[in-house]
Amino acid sequence: MTRCVHYHQPEDIIAIRFKCCDRYYPCHLCHAEAESHEASQWSVDERQTAAILCGACNAELTIHNYMFASRCTRCDSNFNERCALHYHLYFEVE
């Protein structure tokens, strides 16, 4: 379910495809530990890009759907709403 060692809530089930390396990681800390480059953020214009993986059903969601829903649009699994505190690490925010 895309779990990592950094976040442990039952709703921590997504992975984000990082723009900089086109690889999925459950969180920014996992990315930093595995890669030797800085993370880059998806731009506001790229919010229709499918870059979020639901660990419950393996659906790939758009950035927009993830940012503006607290559940998977396919399987209805809950996502951790506190992840919004980290959006600036993954996405340009307005």
C-alpha atoms as a PDB file:
ATOM      1  CA  MET A   1       0.000   0.000   0.000  1.00  0.00           C
ATOM      2  CA  THR A   2       2.926   2.321  -0.716  1.00  0.00           C
ATOM      3  CA  ARG A   3       3.806   2.558   3.001  1.00  0.00           C
ATOM      4  CA  CYS A   4       7.026   4.159   4.150  1.00  0.00           C
ATOM      5  CA  VAL A   5       9.002   4.332   7.396  1.00  0.00           C
ATOM      6  CA  HIS A   6       8.252   8.023   7.911  1.00  0.00           C
ATOM      7  CA  TYR A   7       4.453   8.229   8.086  1.00  0.00           C
ATOM      8  CA  HIS A   8       2.305   5.652   9.834  1.00  0.00           C
ATOM      9  CA  GLN A   9      -1.363   6.612   9.659  1.00  0.00           C
ATOM     10  CA  PRO A  10      -3.744   4.074   8.101  1.00  0.00           C
ATOM     11  CA  GLU A  11      -4.577   6.678   5.439  1.00  0.00           C
ATOM     12  CA  ASP A  12      -0.934   7.038   4.333  1.00  0.00           C
ATOM     13  CA  ILE A  13      -1.426   4.891   1.244  1.00  0.00           C
ATOM     14  CA  ILE A  14      -0.393   7.024  -1.734  1.00  0.00           C
ATOM     15  CA  ALA A  15       2.810   7.353  -3.696  1.00  0.00           C
ATOM     16  CA  ILE A  16       3.716  10.438  -5.695  1.00  0.00           C
ATOM     17  CA  ARG A  17       5.532  10.325  -9.016  1.00  0.00           C
ATOM     18  CA  PHE A  18       8.252  12.906  -8.605  1.00  0.00           C
ATOM     19  CA  LYS A  19       8.619  15.221 -11.580  1.00  0.00           C
ATOM     20  CA  CYS A  20      12.389  15.378 -11.286  1.00  0.00           C
ATOM     21  CA  CYS A  21      13.061  11.651 -11.721  1.00  0.00           C
ATOM     22  CA  ASP A  22       9.759  10.149 -12.910  1.00  0.00           C
ATOM     23  CA  ARG A  23       9.799   7.678  -9.992  1.00  0.00           C
ATOM     24  CA  TYR A  24       7.166   6.988  -7.373  1.00  0.00           C
ATOM     25  CA  TYR A  25       7.916   7.542  -3.691  1.00  0.00           C
ATOM     26  CA  PRO A  26       5.558   7.517  -0.690  1.00  0.00           C
ATOM     27  CA  CYS A  27       6.975  10.788   0.668  1.00  0.00           C
ATOM     28  CA  HIS A  28       9.561  13.515   0.241  1.00  0.00           C
ATOM     29  CA  LEU A  29      11.836  11.891   2.832  1.00  0.00           C
ATOM     30  CA  CYS A  30      11.838   8.571   0.969  1.00  0.00           C
ATOM     31  CA  HIS A  31      12.799  10.480  -2.191  1.00  0.00           C
ATOM     32  CA  ALA A  32      15.621  12.315  -0.412  1.00  0.00           C
ATOM     33  CA  GLU A  33      17.021   9.063   0.985  1.00  0.00           C
ATOM     34  CA  ALA A  34      16.970   7.275  -2.380  1.00  0.00           C
ATOM     35  CA  GLU A  35      18.013  10.020  -4.817  1.00  0.00           C
ATOM     36  CA  SER A  36      21.046  12.270  -5.095  1.00  0.00           C
ATOM     37  CA  HIS A  37      19.150  15.217  -6.598  1.00  0.00           C
ATOM     38  CA  GLU A  38      16.771  17.835  -5.243  1.00  0.00           C
ATOM     39  CA  ALA A  39      13.072  17.270  -5.766  1.00  0.00           C
ATOM     40  CA  SER A  40      11.283  19.548  -8.187  1.00  0.00           C
ATOM     41  CA  GLN A  41       7.626  20.475  -7.941  1.00  0.00           C
ATOM     42  CA  TRP A  42       4.858  19.911 -10.452  1.00  0.00           C
ATOM     43  CA  SER A  43       3.629  23.273 -11.754  1.00  0.00           C
ATOM     44  CA  VAL A  44       0.075  24.545 -11.409  1.00  0.00           C
ATOM     45  CA  ASP A  45      -0.338  24.005 -15.176  1.00  0.00           C
ATOM     46  CA  GLU A  46       0.472  20.295 -14.735  1.00  0.00           C
ATOM     47  CA  ARG A  47      -2.301  19.449 -12.280  1.00  0.00           C
ATOM     48  CA  GLN A  48      -4.068  17.240 -14.829  1.00  0.00           C
ATOM     49  CA  THR A  49      -1.011  14.965 -14.904  1.00  0.00           C
ATOM     50  CA  ALA A  50      -1.568  11.480 -13.523  1.00  0.00           C
ATOM     51  CA  ALA A  51       1.108  11.343 -10.830  1.00  0.00           C
ATOM     52  CA  ILE A  52      -0.562   9.917  -7.718  1.00  0.00           C
ATOM     53  CA  LEU A  53      -0.785   6.188  -7.092  1.00  0.00           C
ATOM     54  CA  CYS A  54      -3.433   4.839  -4.723  1.00  0.00           C
ATOM     55  CA  GLY A  55      -1.833   2.046  -2.728  1.00  0.00           C
ATOM     56  CA  ALA A  56      -5.202   0.411  -2.085  1.00  0.00           C
ATOM     57  CA  CYS A  57      -6.276  -0.171  -5.699  1.00  0.00           C
ATOM     58  CA  ASN A  58      -3.273   0.952  -7.811  1.00  0.00           C
ATOM     59  CA  ALA A  59      -5.309   3.639  -9.571  1.00  0.00           C
ATOM     60  CA  GLU A  60      -3.256   6.502 -10.935  1.00  0.00           C
ATOM     61  CA  LEU A  61      -4.937   9.810 -10.121  1.00  0.00           C
ATOM     62  CA  THR A  62      -4.314  13.280 -11.417  1.00  0.00           C
ATOM     63  CA  ILE A  63      -2.620  15.778  -9.147  1.00  0.00           C
ATOM     64  CA  HIS A  64      -5.820  17.847  -9.200  1.00  0.00           C
ATOM     65  CA  ASN A  65      -7.977  14.917  -8.090  1.00  0.00           C
ATOM     66  CA  TYR A  66      -5.587  14.165  -5.255  1.00  0.00           C
ATOM     67  CA  MET A  67      -5.291  17.753  -4.064  1.00  0.00           C
ATOM     68  CA  PHE A  68      -9.032  18.393  -4.051  1.00  0.00           C
ATOM     69  CA  ALA A  69     -10.341  15.064  -2.743  1.00  0.00           C
ATOM     70  CA  SER A  70      -9.682  13.199   0.459  1.00  0.00           C
ATOM     71  CA  ARG A  71     -10.474   9.830  -1.094  1.00  0.00           C
ATOM     72  CA  CYS A  72      -9.482   7.731  -4.069  1.00  0.00           C
ATOM     73  CA  THR A  73     -11.827   8.439  -6.969  1.00  0.00           C
ATOM     74  CA  ARG A  74     -11.784   4.756  -7.940  1.00  0.00           C
ATOM     75  CA  CYS A  75     -11.904   2.697  -4.714  1.00  0.00           C
ATOM     76  CA  ASP A  76     -13.046   5.380  -2.238  1.00  0.00           C
ATOM     77  CA  SER A  77     -10.158   4.702   0.174  1.00  0.00           C
ATOM     78  CA  ASN A  78      -9.356   7.555   2.531  1.00  0.00           C
ATOM     79  CA  PHE A  79      -6.196   9.594   2.075  1.00  0.00           C
ATOM     80  CA  ASN A  80      -4.441  11.369   4.920  1.00  0.00           C
ATOM     81  CA  GLU A  81      -5.765  14.935   4.835  1.00  0.00           C
ATOM     82  CA  ARG A  82      -2.690  16.126   6.745  1.00  0.00           C
ATOM     83  CA  CYS A  83      -0.614  15.439   3.643  1.00  0.00           C
ATOM     84  CA  ALA A  84      -1.847  18.833   2.451  1.00  0.00           C
ATOM     85  CA  LEU A  85       0.710  20.324   4.837  1.00  0.00           C
ATOM     86  CA  HIS A  86       3.399  18.980   2.481  1.00  0.00           C
ATOM     87  CA  TYR A  87       1.889  19.917  -0.884  1.00  0.00           C
ATOM     88  CA  HIS A  88       4.497  22.646  -1.351  1.00  0.00           C
ATOM     89  CA  LEU A  89       7.183  19.936  -1.431  1.00  0.00           C
ATOM     90  CA  TYR A  90       5.557  18.192  -4.399  1.00  0.00           C
ATOM     91  CA  PHE A  91       3.444  20.793  -6.173  1.00  0.00           C
ATOM     92  CA  GLU A  92       3.568  24.510  -6.844  1.00  0.00           C
ATOM     93  CA  VAL A  93       0.908  26.066  -4.680  1.00  0.00           C
ATOM     94  CA  GLU A  94      -0.864  29.332  -5.309  1.00  0.00           C
END
